[in-house]
PDB file of all heavy atoms in Angstrom:
ATOM      1  N   ILE A   1       0.845  -1.201   0.000  1.00  0.00           N
ATOM      2  CA  ILE A   1       0.000   0.000   0.000  1.00  0.00           C
ATOM      3  C   ILE A   1       0.878   1.248   0.000  1.00  0.00           C
ATOM      4  O   ILE A   1       0.587   2.220  -0.691  1.00  0.00           O
ATOM      5  CB  ILE A   1      -0.947   0.000   1.216  1.00  0.00           C
ATOM      6  CG1 ILE A   1      -1.932  -1.160   1.094  1.00  0.00           C
ATOM      7  CG2 ILE A   1      -1.684   1.309   1.353  1.00  0.00           C
ATOM      8  CD1 ILE A   1      -2.799  -1.127  -0.137  1.00  0.00           C
ATOM      9  N   LEU A   2       1.941   1.209   0.751  1.00  0.00           N
ATOM     10  CA  LEU A   2       2.868   2.346   0.782  1.00  0.00           C
ATOM     11  C   LEU A   2       3.445   2.606  -0.610  1.00  0.00           C
ATOM     12  O   LEU A   2       3.549   3.750  -1.048  1.00  0.00           O
ATOM     13  CB  LEU A   2       3.987   2.087   1.783  1.00  0.00           C
ATOM     14  CG  LEU A   2       5.043   3.180   1.931  1.00  0.00           C
ATOM     15  CD1 LEU A   2       4.417   4.481   2.433  1.00  0.00           C
ATOM     16  CD2 LEU A   2       6.135   2.724   2.883  1.00  0.00           C
ATOM     17  N   LYS A   3       3.763   1.544  -1.326  1.00  0.00           N
ATOM     18  CA  LYS A   3       4.322   1.690  -2.681  1.00  0.00           C
ATOM     19  C   LYS A   3       3.264   2.193  -3.667  1.00  0.00           C
ATOM     20  O   LYS A   3       3.541   3.046  -4.503  1.00  0.00           O
ATOM     21  CB  LYS A   3       4.901   0.360  -3.146  1.00  0.00           C
ATOM     22  CG  LYS A   3       5.534   0.430  -4.514  1.00  0.00           C
ATOM     23  CD  LYS A   3       6.161  -0.907  -4.847  1.00  0.00           C
ATOM     24  CE  LYS A   3       6.550  -1.066  -6.266  1.00  0.00           C
ATOM     25  NZ  LYS A   3       7.566  -0.400  -6.839  1.00  0.00           N
ATOM     26  N   VAL A   4       2.031   1.673  -3.576  1.00  0.00           N
ATOM     27  CA  VAL A   4       0.972   2.038  -4.523  1.00  0.00           C
ATOM     28  C   VAL A   4       0.505   3.472  -4.311  1.00  0.00           C
ATOM     29  O   VAL A   4       0.347   4.232  -5.267  1.00  0.00           O
ATOM     30  CB  VAL A   4      -0.215   1.055  -4.408  1.00  0.00           C
ATOM     31  CG1 VAL A   4      -1.422   1.531  -5.197  1.00  0.00           C
ATOM     32  CG2 VAL A   4       0.211  -0.321  -4.858  1.00  0.00           C
ATOM     33  N   ASP A   5       0.257   3.838  -3.072  1.00  0.00           N
ATOM     34  CA  ASP A   5      -0.263   5.180  -2.783  1.00  0.00           C
ATOM     35  C   ASP A   5       0.310   5.661  -1.453  1.00  0.00           C
ATOM     36  O   ASP A   5      -0.359   5.614  -0.418  1.00  0.00           O
ATOM     37  CB  ASP A   5      -1.786   5.148  -2.745  1.00  0.00           C
ATOM     38  CG  ASP A   5      -2.414   6.527  -2.710  1.00  0.00           C
ATOM     39  OD1 ASP A   5      -1.664   7.522  -2.601  1.00  0.00           O
ATOM     40  OD2 ASP A   5      -3.653   6.618  -2.791  1.00  0.00           O
ATOM     41  N   GLY A   6       1.544   6.113  -1.491  1.00  0.00           N
ATOM     42  CA  GLY A   6       2.262   6.503  -0.279  1.00  0.00           C
ATOM     43  C   GLY A   6       1.599   7.623   0.499  1.00  0.00           C
ATOM     44  O   GLY A   6       1.534   7.575   1.725  1.00  0.00           O
ATOM     45  N   ASP A   7       1.071   8.634  -0.207  1.00  0.00           N
ATOM     46  CA  ASP A   7       0.436   9.753   0.504  1.00  0.00           C
ATOM     47  C   ASP A   7      -0.792   9.293   1.274  1.00  0.00           C
ATOM     48  O   ASP A   7      -0.995   9.661   2.427  1.00  0.00           O
ATOM     49  CB  ASP A   7       0.041  10.866  -0.485  1.00  0.00           C
ATOM     50  CG  ASP A   7       1.260  11.524  -1.098  1.00  0.00           C
ATOM     51  OD1 ASP A   7       2.339  11.470  -0.466  1.00  0.00           O
ATOM     52  OD2 ASP A   7       1.140  12.073  -2.211  1.00  0.00           O
ATOM     53  N   ARG A   8      -1.618   8.501   0.620  1.00  0.00           N
ATOM     54  CA  ARG A   8      -2.834   8.018   1.286  1.00  0.00           C
ATOM     55  C   ARG A   8      -2.491   7.078   2.432  1.00  0.00           C
ATOM     56  O   ARG A   8      -3.145   7.065   3.468  1.00  0.00           O
ATOM     57  CB  ARG A   8      -3.732   7.332   0.283  1.00  0.00           C
ATOM     58  CG  ARG A   8      -5.080   7.028   0.859  1.00  0.00           C
ATOM     59  CD  ARG A   8      -6.068   6.707  -0.194  1.00  0.00           C
ATOM     60  NE  ARG A   8      -7.369   6.514   0.411  1.00  0.00           N
ATOM     61  CZ  ARG A   8      -8.339   5.871  -0.141  1.00  0.00           C
ATOM     62  NH1 ARG A   8      -8.200   5.381  -1.345  1.00  0.00           N
ATOM     63  NH2 ARG A   8      -9.481   5.725   0.487  1.00  0.00           N
ATOM     64  N   PHE A   9      -1.444   6.273   2.236  1.00  0.00           N
ATOM     65  CA  PHE A   9      -1.010   5.378   3.308  1.00  0.00           C
ATOM     66  C   PHE A   9      -0.683   6.188   4.558  1.00  0.00           C
ATOM     67  O   PHE A   9      -1.149   5.870   5.648  1.00  0.00           O
ATOM     68  CB  PHE A   9       0.215   4.572   2.873  1.00  0.00           C
ATOM     69  CG  PHE A   9       0.827   3.778   3.997  1.00  0.00           C
ATOM     70  CD1 PHE A   9       0.316   2.547   4.343  1.00  0.00           C
ATOM     71  CD2 PHE A   9       1.908   4.268   4.719  1.00  0.00           C
ATOM     72  CE1 PHE A   9       0.877   1.807   5.374  1.00  0.00           C
ATOM     73  CE2 PHE A   9       2.476   3.537   5.746  1.00  0.00           C
ATOM     74  CZ  PHE A   9       1.961   2.297   6.074  1.00  0.00           C
ATOM     75  N   TRP A  10       0.139   7.228   4.409  1.00  0.00           N
ATOM     76  CA  TRP A  10       0.530   8.032   5.566  1.00  0.00           C
ATOM     77  C   TRP A  10      -0.651   8.771   6.161  1.00  0.00           C
ATOM     78  O   TRP A  10      -0.782   8.867   7.371  1.00  0.00           O
ATOM     79  CB  TRP A  10       1.655   9.001   5.216  1.00  0.00           C
ATOM     80  CG  TRP A  10       2.954   8.290   5.069  1.00  0.00           C
ATOM     81  CD1 TRP A  10       3.644   8.096   3.928  1.00  0.00           C
ATOM     82  CD2 TRP A  10       3.689   7.626   6.101  1.00  0.00           C
ATOM     83  NE1 TRP A  10       4.775   7.355   4.165  1.00  0.00           N
ATOM     84  CE2 TRP A  10       4.831   7.050   5.492  1.00  0.00           C
ATOM     85  CE3 TRP A  10       3.501   7.441   7.465  1.00  0.00           C
ATOM     86  CZ2 TRP A  10       5.776   6.329   6.210  1.00  0.00           C
ATOM     87  CZ3 TRP A  10       4.451   6.719   8.171  1.00  0.00           C
ATOM     88  CH2 TRP A  10       5.567   6.169   7.551  1.00  0.00           C
ATOM     89  N   ALA A  11      -1.553   9.265   5.319  1.00  0.00           N
ATOM     90  CA  ALA A  11      -2.705  10.024   5.834  1.00  0.00           C
ATOM     91  C   ALA A  11      -3.738   9.112   6.480  1.00  0.00           C
ATOM     92  O   ALA A  11      -4.213   9.369   7.584  1.00  0.00           O
ATOM     93  CB  ALA A  11      -3.353  10.824   4.704  1.00  0.00           C
ATOM     94  N   ASP A  12      -4.108   8.034   5.771  1.00  0.00           N
ATOM     95  CA  ASP A  12      -5.199   7.185   6.265  1.00  0.00           C
ATOM     96  C   ASP A  12      -4.756   6.151   7.278  1.00  0.00           C
ATOM     97  O   ASP A  12      -5.382   5.972   8.308  1.00  0.00           O
ATOM     98  CB  ASP A  12      -5.886   6.465   5.103  1.00  0.00           C
ATOM     99  CG  ASP A  12      -6.774   7.381   4.306  1.00  0.00           C
ATOM    100  OD1 ASP A  12      -7.063   8.485   4.797  1.00  0.00           O
ATOM    101  OD2 ASP A  12      -7.163   7.003   3.192  1.00  0.00           O
ATOM    102  N   TYR A  13      -3.694   5.428   6.957  1.00  0.00           N
ATOM    103  CA  TYR A  13      -3.322   4.362   7.890  1.00  0.00           C
ATOM    104  C   TYR A  13      -2.426   4.867   9.007  1.00  0.00           C
ATOM    105  O   TYR A  13      -2.763   4.774  10.176  1.00  0.00           O
ATOM    106  CB  TYR A  13      -2.643   3.178   7.187  1.00  0.00           C
ATOM    107  CG  TYR A  13      -2.274   2.143   8.207  1.00  0.00           C
ATOM    108  CD1 TYR A  13      -3.259   1.345   8.776  1.00  0.00           C
ATOM    109  CD2 TYR A  13      -0.986   2.038   8.698  1.00  0.00           C
ATOM    110  CE1 TYR A  13      -2.955   0.446   9.769  1.00  0.00           C
ATOM    111  CE2 TYR A  13      -0.674   1.138   9.699  1.00  0.00           C
ATOM    112  CZ  TYR A  13      -1.658   0.354  10.226  1.00  0.00           C
ATOM    113  OH  TYR A  13      -1.362  -0.515  11.226  1.00  0.00           O
ATOM    114  N   ALA A  14      -1.298   5.411   8.641  1.00  0.00           N
ATOM    115  CA  ALA A  14      -0.304   5.753   9.663  1.00  0.00           C
ATOM    116  C   ALA A  14      -0.825   6.798  10.634  1.00  0.00           C
ATOM    117  O   ALA A  14      -0.669   6.661  11.847  1.00  0.00           O
ATOM    118  CB  ALA A  14       0.988   6.224   9.003  1.00  0.00           C
ATOM    119  N   MET A  15      -1.460   7.821  10.132  1.00  0.00           N
ATOM    120  CA  MET A  15      -1.918   8.891  11.027  1.00  0.00           C
ATOM    121  C   MET A  15      -3.253   8.560  11.687  1.00  0.00           C
ATOM    122  O   MET A  15      -3.364   8.523  12.897  1.00  0.00           O
ATOM    123  CB  MET A  15      -2.030  10.216  10.257  1.00  0.00           C
ATOM    124  CG  MET A  15      -0.691  10.713   9.733  1.00  0.00           C
ATOM    125  SD  MET A  15       0.582  10.860  11.007  1.00  0.00           S
ATOM    126  CE  MET A  15      -0.048  12.199  11.953  1.00  0.00           C
ATOM    127  N   ARG A  16      -4.270   8.303  10.874  1.00  0.00           N
ATOM    128  CA  ARG A  16      -5.616   8.130  11.424  1.00  0.00           C
ATOM    129  C   ARG A  16      -5.764   6.823  12.201  1.00  0.00           C
ATOM    130  O   ARG A  16      -6.333   6.799  13.283  1.00  0.00           O
ATOM    131  CB  ARG A  16      -6.651   8.184  10.298  1.00  0.00           C
ATOM    132  CG  ARG A  16      -8.090   8.092  10.774  1.00  0.00           C
ATOM    133  CD  ARG A  16      -9.071   8.311   9.642  1.00  0.00           C
ATOM    134  NE  ARG A  16      -8.842   7.486   8.484  1.00  0.00           N
ATOM    135  CZ  ARG A  16      -9.344   6.256   8.327  1.00  0.00           C
ATOM    136  NH1 ARG A  16     -10.088   5.727   9.264  1.00  0.00           N
ATOM    137  NH2 ARG A  16      -9.098   5.565   7.248  1.00  0.00           N
ATOM    138  N   GLU A  17      -5.258   5.739  11.650  1.00  0.00           N
ATOM    139  CA  GLU A  17      -5.474   4.433  12.266  1.00  0.00           C
ATOM    140  C   GLU A  17      -4.466   4.074  13.352  1.00  0.00           C
ATOM    141  O   GLU A  17      -4.671   3.126  14.081  1.00  0.00           O
ATOM    142  CB  GLU A  17      -5.459   3.340  11.193  1.00  0.00           C
ATOM    143  CG  GLU A  17      -6.636   3.395  10.257  1.00  0.00           C
ATOM    144  CD  GLU A  17      -7.942   3.095  10.946  1.00  0.00           C
ATOM    145  OE1 GLU A  17      -7.975   2.282  11.892  1.00  0.00           O
ATOM    146  OE2 GLU A  17      -8.953   3.695  10.550  1.00  0.00           O
ATOM    147  N   THR A  18      -3.385   4.797  13.442  1.00  0.00           N
ATOM    148  CA  THR A  18      -2.366   4.445  14.425  1.00  0.00           C
ATOM    149  C   THR A  18      -2.218   5.510  15.496  1.00  0.00           C
ATOM    150  O   THR A  18      -2.504   5.270  16.664  1.00  0.00           O
ATOM    151  CB  THR A  18      -1.017   4.193  13.729  1.00  0.00           C
ATOM    152  OG1 THR A  18      -1.223   3.213  12.711  1.00  0.00           O
ATOM    153  CG2 THR A  18       0.011   3.692  14.703  1.00  0.00           C
ATOM    154  N   TRP A  19      -1.801   6.684  15.112  1.00  0.00           N
ATOM    155  CA  TRP A  19      -1.489   7.701  16.106  1.00  0.00           C
ATOM    156  C   TRP A  19      -2.690   8.540  16.531  1.00  0.00           C
ATOM    157  O   TRP A  19      -2.699   9.082  17.617  1.00  0.00           O
ATOM    158  CB  TRP A  19      -0.372   8.607  15.596  1.00  0.00           C
ATOM    159  CG  TRP A  19       0.922   7.875  15.529  1.00  0.00           C
ATOM    160  CD1 TRP A  19       1.618   7.378  16.579  1.00  0.00           C
ATOM    161  CD2 TRP A  19       1.648   7.513  14.366  1.00  0.00           C
ATOM    162  NE1 TRP A  19       2.748   6.729  16.133  1.00  0.00           N
ATOM    163  CE2 TRP A  19       2.799   6.807  14.776  1.00  0.00           C
ATOM    164  CE3 TRP A  19       1.455   7.729  13.001  1.00  0.00           C
ATOM    165  CZ2 TRP A  19       3.730   6.319  13.896  1.00  0.00           C
ATOM    166  CZ3 TRP A  19       2.393   7.239  12.120  1.00  0.00           C
ATOM    167  CH2 TRP A  19       3.509   6.540  12.572  1.00  0.00           C
ATOM    168  N   ASP A  20      -3.708   8.653  15.697  1.00  0.00           N
ATOM    169  CA  ASP A  20      -4.854   9.493  16.046  1.00  0.00           C
ATOM    170  C   ASP A  20      -5.942   8.753  16.812  1.00  0.00           C
ATOM    171  O   ASP A  20      -6.966   9.333  17.130  1.00  0.00           O
ATOM    172  CB  ASP A  20      -5.462  10.125  14.785  1.00  0.00           C
ATOM    173  CG  ASP A  20      -4.590  11.236  14.233  1.00  0.00           C
ATOM    174  OD1 ASP A  20      -3.699  11.709  14.979  1.00  0.00           O
ATOM    175  OD2 ASP A  20      -4.788  11.618  13.074  1.00  0.00           O
ATOM    176  N   LYS A  21      -5.779   7.493  17.126  1.00  0.00           N
ATOM    177  CA  LYS A  21      -6.795   6.734  17.853  1.00  0.00           C
ATOM    178  C   LYS A  21      -6.596   6.921  19.350  1.00  0.00           C
ATOM    179  O   LYS A  21      -6.209   6.017  20.056  1.00  0.00           O
ATOM    180  CB  LYS A  21      -6.711   5.256  17.509  1.00  0.00           C
ATOM    181  CG  LYS A  21      -7.427   4.888  16.259  1.00  0.00           C
ATOM    182  CD  LYS A  21      -7.538   3.392  16.160  1.00  0.00           C
ATOM    183  CE  LYS A  21      -8.480   3.032  15.044  1.00  0.00           C
ATOM    184  NZ  LYS A  21      -8.688   1.616  14.915  1.00  0.00           N
ATOM    185  N   LYS A  22      -6.900   8.083  19.810  1.00  0.00           N
ATOM    186  CA  LYS A  22      -6.717   8.335  21.242  1.00  0.00           C
ATOM    187  C   LYS A  22      -8.027   8.651  21.941  1.00  0.00           C
ATOM    188  O   LYS A  22      -8.160   8.440  23.114  1.00  0.00           O
ATOM    189  CB  LYS A  22      -5.717   9.470  21.428  1.00  0.00           C
ATOM    190  CG  LYS A  22      -4.329   9.071  20.991  1.00  0.00           C
ATOM    191  CD  LYS A  22      -3.303   9.915  21.675  1.00  0.00           C
ATOM    192  CE  LYS A  22      -1.898   9.518  21.440  1.00  0.00           C
ATOM    193  NZ  LYS A  22      -1.449   8.966  20.276  1.00  0.00           N
ATOM    194  N   GLY A  23      -9.008   9.157  21.218  1.00  0.00           N
ATOM    195  CA  GLY A  23     -10.242   9.577  21.860  1.00  0.00           C
ATOM    196  C   GLY A  23     -11.223   8.458  22.105  1.00  0.00           C
ATOM    197  O   GLY A  23     -11.903   8.403  23.105  1.00  0.00           O
ATOM    198  N   GLY A  24     -11.303   7.518  21.179  1.00  0.00           N
ATOM    199  CA  GLY A  24     -12.249   6.421  21.311  1.00  0.00           C
ATOM    200  C   GLY A  24     -13.662   6.937  21.441  1.00  0.00           C
ATOM    201  O   GLY A  24     -14.016   7.986  20.930  1.00  0.00           O
ATOM    202  N   ASN A  25     -14.478   6.204  22.141  1.00  0.00           N
ATOM    203  CA  ASN A  25     -15.854   6.636  22.347  1.00  0.00           C
ATOM    204  C   ASN A  25     -16.074   7.096  23.780  1.00  0.00           C
ATOM    205  O   ASN A  25     -17.191   7.268  24.211  1.00  0.00           O
ATOM    206  CB  ASN A  25     -16.824   5.519  21.969  1.00  0.00           C
ATOM    207  CG  ASN A  25     -16.709   4.317  22.886  1.00  0.00           C
ATOM    208  OD1 ASN A  25     -15.823   4.259  23.735  1.00  0.00           O
ATOM    209  ND2 ASN A  25     -17.590   3.364  22.719  1.00  0.00           N
ATOM    210  N   GLY A  26     -14.994   7.258  24.516  1.00  0.00           N
ATOM    211  CA  GLY A  26     -15.106   7.741  25.885  1.00  0.00           C
ATOM    212  C   GLY A  26     -15.605   6.705  26.863  1.00  0.00           C
ATOM    213  O   GLY A  26     -15.979   7.034  27.979  1.00  0.00           O
ATOM    214  N   ALA A  27     -15.625   5.450  26.460  1.00  0.00           N
ATOM    215  CA  ALA A  27     -16.099   4.405  27.360  1.00  0.00           C
ATOM    216  C   ALA A  27     -15.124   4.240  28.524  1.00  0.00           C
ATOM    217  O   ALA A  27     -13.932   4.458  28.397  1.00  0.00           O
ATOM    218  CB  ALA A  27     -16.244   3.083  26.614  1.00  0.00           C
ATOM    219  N   SER A  28     -15.650   3.871  29.657  1.00  0.00           N
ATOM    220  CA  SER A  28     -14.802   3.626  30.827  1.00  0.00           C
ATOM    221  C   SER A  28     -14.283   2.194  30.781  1.00  0.00           C
ATOM    222  O   SER A  28     -14.794   1.350  30.049  1.00  0.00           O
ATOM    223  CB  SER A  28     -15.607   3.839  32.103  1.00  0.00           C
ATOM    224  OG  SER A  28     -16.591   2.827  32.219  1.00  0.00           O
ATOM    225  N   TRP A  29     -13.273   1.918  31.577  1.00  0.00           N
ATOM    226  CA  TRP A  29     -12.775   0.546  31.623  1.00  0.00           C
ATOM    227  C   TRP A  29     -13.846  -0.384  32.191  1.00  0.00           C
ATOM    228  O   TRP A  29     -13.917  -1.543  31.841  1.00  0.00           O
ATOM    229  CB  TRP A  29     -11.459   0.446  32.398  1.00  0.00           C
ATOM    230  CG  TRP A  29     -11.553   0.803  33.845  1.00  0.00           C
ATOM    231  CD1 TRP A  29     -11.356   2.023  34.399  1.00  0.00           C
ATOM    232  CD2 TRP A  29     -11.907  -0.072  34.917  1.00  0.00           C
ATOM    233  NE1 TRP A  29     -11.561   1.962  35.754  1.00  0.00           N
ATOM    234  CE2 TRP A  29     -11.902   0.682  36.098  1.00  0.00           C
ATOM    235  CE3 TRP A  29     -12.222  -1.428  34.996  1.00  0.00           C
ATOM    236  CZ2 TRP A  29     -12.215   0.125  37.340  1.00  0.00           C
ATOM    237  CZ3 TRP A  29     -12.532  -1.978  36.237  1.00  0.00           C
ATOM    238  CH2 TRP A  29     -12.522  -1.198  37.380  1.00  0.00           C
ATOM    239  N   TRP A  30     -14.705   0.154  33.052  1.00  0.00           N
ATOM    240  CA  TRP A  30     -15.786  -0.661  33.623  1.00  0.00           C
ATOM    241  C   TRP A  30     -16.757  -1.123  32.533  1.00  0.00           C
ATOM    242  O   TRP A  30     -17.141  -2.287  32.488  1.00  0.00           O
ATOM    243  CB  TRP A  30     -16.521   0.131  34.699  1.00  0.00           C
ATOM    244  CG  TRP A  30     -17.689  -0.606  35.274  1.00  0.00           C
ATOM    245  CD1 TRP A  30     -19.000  -0.331  35.067  1.00  0.00           C
ATOM    246  CD2 TRP A  30     -17.655  -1.755  36.123  1.00  0.00           C
ATOM    247  NE1 TRP A  30     -19.788  -1.229  35.737  1.00  0.00           N
ATOM    248  CE2 TRP A  30     -18.978  -2.119  36.401  1.00  0.00           C
ATOM    249  CE3 TRP A  30     -16.631  -2.514  36.680  1.00  0.00           C
ATOM    250  CZ2 TRP A  30     -19.309  -3.201  37.195  1.00  0.00           C
ATOM    251  CZ3 TRP A  30     -16.964  -3.597  37.478  1.00  0.00           C
ATOM    252  CH2 TRP A  30     -18.279  -3.920  37.730  1.00  0.00           C
ATOM    253  N   SER A  31     -17.137  -0.197  31.634  1.00  0.00           N
ATOM    254  CA  SER A  31     -18.070  -0.579  30.565  1.00  0.00           C
ATOM    255  C   SER A  31     -17.410  -1.565  29.595  1.00  0.00           C
ATOM    256  O   SER A  31     -18.067  -2.441  29.045  1.00  0.00           O
ATOM    257  CB  SER A  31     -18.581   0.651  29.816  1.00  0.00           C
ATOM    258  OG  SER A  31     -17.547   1.287  29.122  1.00  0.00           O
ATOM    259  N   LEU A  32     -16.108  -1.441  29.416  1.00  0.00           N
ATOM    260  CA  LEU A  32     -15.364  -2.366  28.573  1.00  0.00           C
ATOM    261  C   LEU A  32     -15.438  -3.780  29.151  1.00  0.00           C
ATOM    262  O   LEU A  32     -15.726  -4.746  28.442  1.00  0.00           O
ATOM    263  CB  LEU A  32     -13.918  -1.894  28.480  1.00  0.00           C
ATOM    264  CG  LEU A  32     -12.962  -2.656  27.587  1.00  0.00           C
ATOM    265  CD1 LEU A  32     -13.235  -2.312  26.140  1.00  0.00           C
ATOM    266  CD2 LEU A  32     -11.528  -2.279  27.932  1.00  0.00           C
ATOM    267  N   TRP A  33     -15.208  -3.910  30.450  1.00  0.00           N
ATOM    268  CA  TRP A  33     -15.236  -5.226  31.092  1.00  0.00           C
ATOM    269  C   TRP A  33     -16.657  -5.767  31.239  1.00  0.00           C
ATOM    270  O   TRP A  33     -16.873  -6.971  31.133  1.00  0.00           O
ATOM    271  CB  TRP A  33     -14.523  -5.171  32.443  1.00  0.00           C
ATOM    272  CG  TRP A  33     -13.047  -5.200  32.242  1.00  0.00           C
ATOM    273  CD1 TRP A  33     -12.203  -4.126  32.137  1.00  0.00           C
ATOM    274  CD2 TRP A  33     -12.246  -6.357  32.042  1.00  0.00           C
ATOM    275  NE1 TRP A  33     -10.925  -4.548  31.899  1.00  0.00           N
ATOM    276  CE2 TRP A  33     -10.915  -5.911  31.836  1.00  0.00           C
ATOM    277  CE3 TRP A  33     -12.503  -7.721  32.015  1.00  0.00           C
ATOM    278  CZ2 TRP A  33      -9.860  -6.793  31.610  1.00  0.00           C
ATOM    279  CZ3 TRP A  33     -11.450  -8.595  31.807  1.00  0.00           C
ATOM    280  CH2 TRP A  33     -10.153  -8.134  31.602  1.00  0.00           C
ATOM    281  N   MET A  34     -17.613  -4.898  31.449  1.00  0.00           N
ATOM    282  CA  MET A  34     -19.003  -5.367  31.525  1.00  0.00           C
ATOM    283  C   MET A  34     -19.453  -5.927  30.178  1.00  0.00           C
ATOM    284  O   MET A  34     -20.174  -6.925  30.127  1.00  0.00           O
ATOM    285  CB  MET A  34     -19.936  -4.240  31.977  1.00  0.00           C
ATOM    286  CG  MET A  34     -19.831  -3.923  33.456  1.00  0.00           C
ATOM    287  SD  MET A  34     -19.981  -5.370  34.544  1.00  0.00           S
ATOM    288  CE  MET A  34     -21.663  -5.850  34.247  1.00  0.00           C
ATOM    289  N   ALA A  35     -19.008  -5.299  29.084  1.00  0.00           N
ATOM    290  CA  ALA A  35     -19.333  -5.828  27.761  1.00  0.00           C
ATOM    291  C   ALA A  35     -18.754  -7.232  27.593  1.00  0.00           C
ATOM    292  O   ALA A  35     -19.399  -8.110  27.018  1.00  0.00           O
ATOM    293  CB  ALA A  35     -18.804  -4.893  26.672  1.00  0.00           C
ATOM    294  N   LEU A  36     -17.548  -7.467  28.126  1.00  0.00           N
ATOM    295  CA  LEU A  36     -16.960  -8.812  28.065  1.00  0.00           C
ATOM    296  C   LEU A  36     -17.829  -9.797  28.842  1.00  0.00           C
ATOM    297  O   LEU A  36     -18.087 -10.900  28.369  1.00  0.00           O
ATOM    298  CB  LEU A  36     -15.538  -8.812  28.628  1.00  0.00           C
ATOM    299  CG  LEU A  36     -14.891 -10.197  28.770  1.00  0.00           C
ATOM    300  CD1 LEU A  36     -14.673 -10.837  27.403  1.00  0.00           C
ATOM    301  CD2 LEU A  36     -13.598 -10.112  29.541  1.00  0.00           C
ATOM    302  N   PHE A  37     -18.286  -9.400  30.006  1.00  0.00           N
ATOM    303  CA  PHE A  37     -19.132 -10.303  30.787  1.00  0.00           C
ATOM    304  C   PHE A  37     -20.430 -10.621  30.056  1.00  0.00           C
ATOM    305  O   PHE A  37     -20.922 -11.744  30.120  1.00  0.00           O
ATOM    306  CB  PHE A  37     -19.409  -9.713  32.165  1.00  0.00           C
ATOM    307  CG  PHE A  37     -18.182  -9.655  33.036  1.00  0.00           C
ATOM    308  CD1 PHE A  37     -17.894  -8.524  33.764  1.00  0.00           C
ATOM    309  CD2 PHE A  37     -17.306 -10.723  33.107  1.00  0.00           C
ATOM    310  CE1 PHE A  37     -16.752  -8.460  34.557  1.00  0.00           C
ATOM    311  CE2 PHE A  37     -16.167 -10.668  33.890  1.00  0.00           C
ATOM    312  CZ  PHE A  37     -15.890  -9.530  34.620  1.00  0.00           C
ATOM    313  N   TYR A  38     -20.973  -9.656  29.320  1.00  0.00           N
ATOM    314  CA  TYR A  38     -22.169  -9.922  28.524  1.00  0.00           C
ATOM    315  C   TYR A  38     -21.863 -10.888  27.386  1.00  0.00           C
ATOM    316  O   TYR A  38     -22.648 -11.778  27.095  1.00  0.00           O
ATOM    317  CB  TYR A  38     -22.751  -8.632  27.945  1.00  0.00           C
ATOM    318  CG  TYR A  38     -23.253  -7.662  28.974  1.00  0.00           C
ATOM    319  CD1 TYR A  38     -23.085  -6.297  28.803  1.00  0.00           C
ATOM    320  CD2 TYR A  38     -23.887  -8.093  30.132  1.00  0.00           C
ATOM    321  CE1 TYR A  38     -23.534  -5.399  29.745  1.00  0.00           C
ATOM    322  CE2 TYR A  38     -24.337  -7.205  31.088  1.00  0.00           C
ATOM    323  CZ  TYR A  38     -24.166  -5.850  30.880  1.00  0.00           C
ATOM    324  OH  TYR A  38     -24.608  -4.963  31.815  1.00  0.00           O
ATOM    325  N   PHE A  39     -20.700 -10.699  26.750  1.00  0.00           N
ATOM    326  CA  PHE A  39     -20.295 -11.613  25.675  1.00  0.00           C
ATOM    327  C   PHE A  39     -20.146 -13.034  26.196  1.00  0.00           C
ATOM    328  O   PHE A  39     -20.456 -13.989  25.498  1.00  0.00           O
ATOM    329  CB  PHE A  39     -18.946 -11.200  25.079  1.00  0.00           C
ATOM    330  CG  PHE A  39     -18.988 -10.084  24.097  1.00  0.00           C
ATOM    331  CD1 PHE A  39     -17.999  -9.126  24.100  1.00  0.00           C
ATOM    332  CD2 PHE A  39     -19.985  -9.990  23.156  1.00  0.00           C
ATOM    333  CE1 PHE A  39     -18.014  -8.094  23.192  1.00  0.00           C
ATOM    334  CE2 PHE A  39     -20.016  -8.968  22.240  1.00  0.00           C
ATOM    335  CZ  PHE A  39     -19.030  -8.022  22.252  1.00  0.00           C
ATOM    336  N   CYS A  40     -19.621 -13.158  27.381  1.00  0.00           N
ATOM    337  CA  CYS A  40     -19.279 -14.464  27.933  1.00  0.00           C
ATOM    338  C   CYS A  40     -20.441 -15.160  28.629  1.00  0.00           C
ATOM    339  O   CYS A  40     -20.290 -16.295  29.055  1.00  0.00           O
ATOM    340  CB  CYS A  40     -18.130 -14.324  28.933  1.00  0.00           C
ATOM    341  SG  CYS A  40     -16.587 -13.886  28.167  1.00  0.00           S
TER     342      CYS A  40
END
């Protein structure tokens, strides 16, 4: 992907999917674990 479209790779994957994933949906760790208990 880097070879085919280097600019888009850096913009879409490297920046947005790696370094910009900090906000999330604001869920607490408690809601994260409760969802696991529901799954299980």
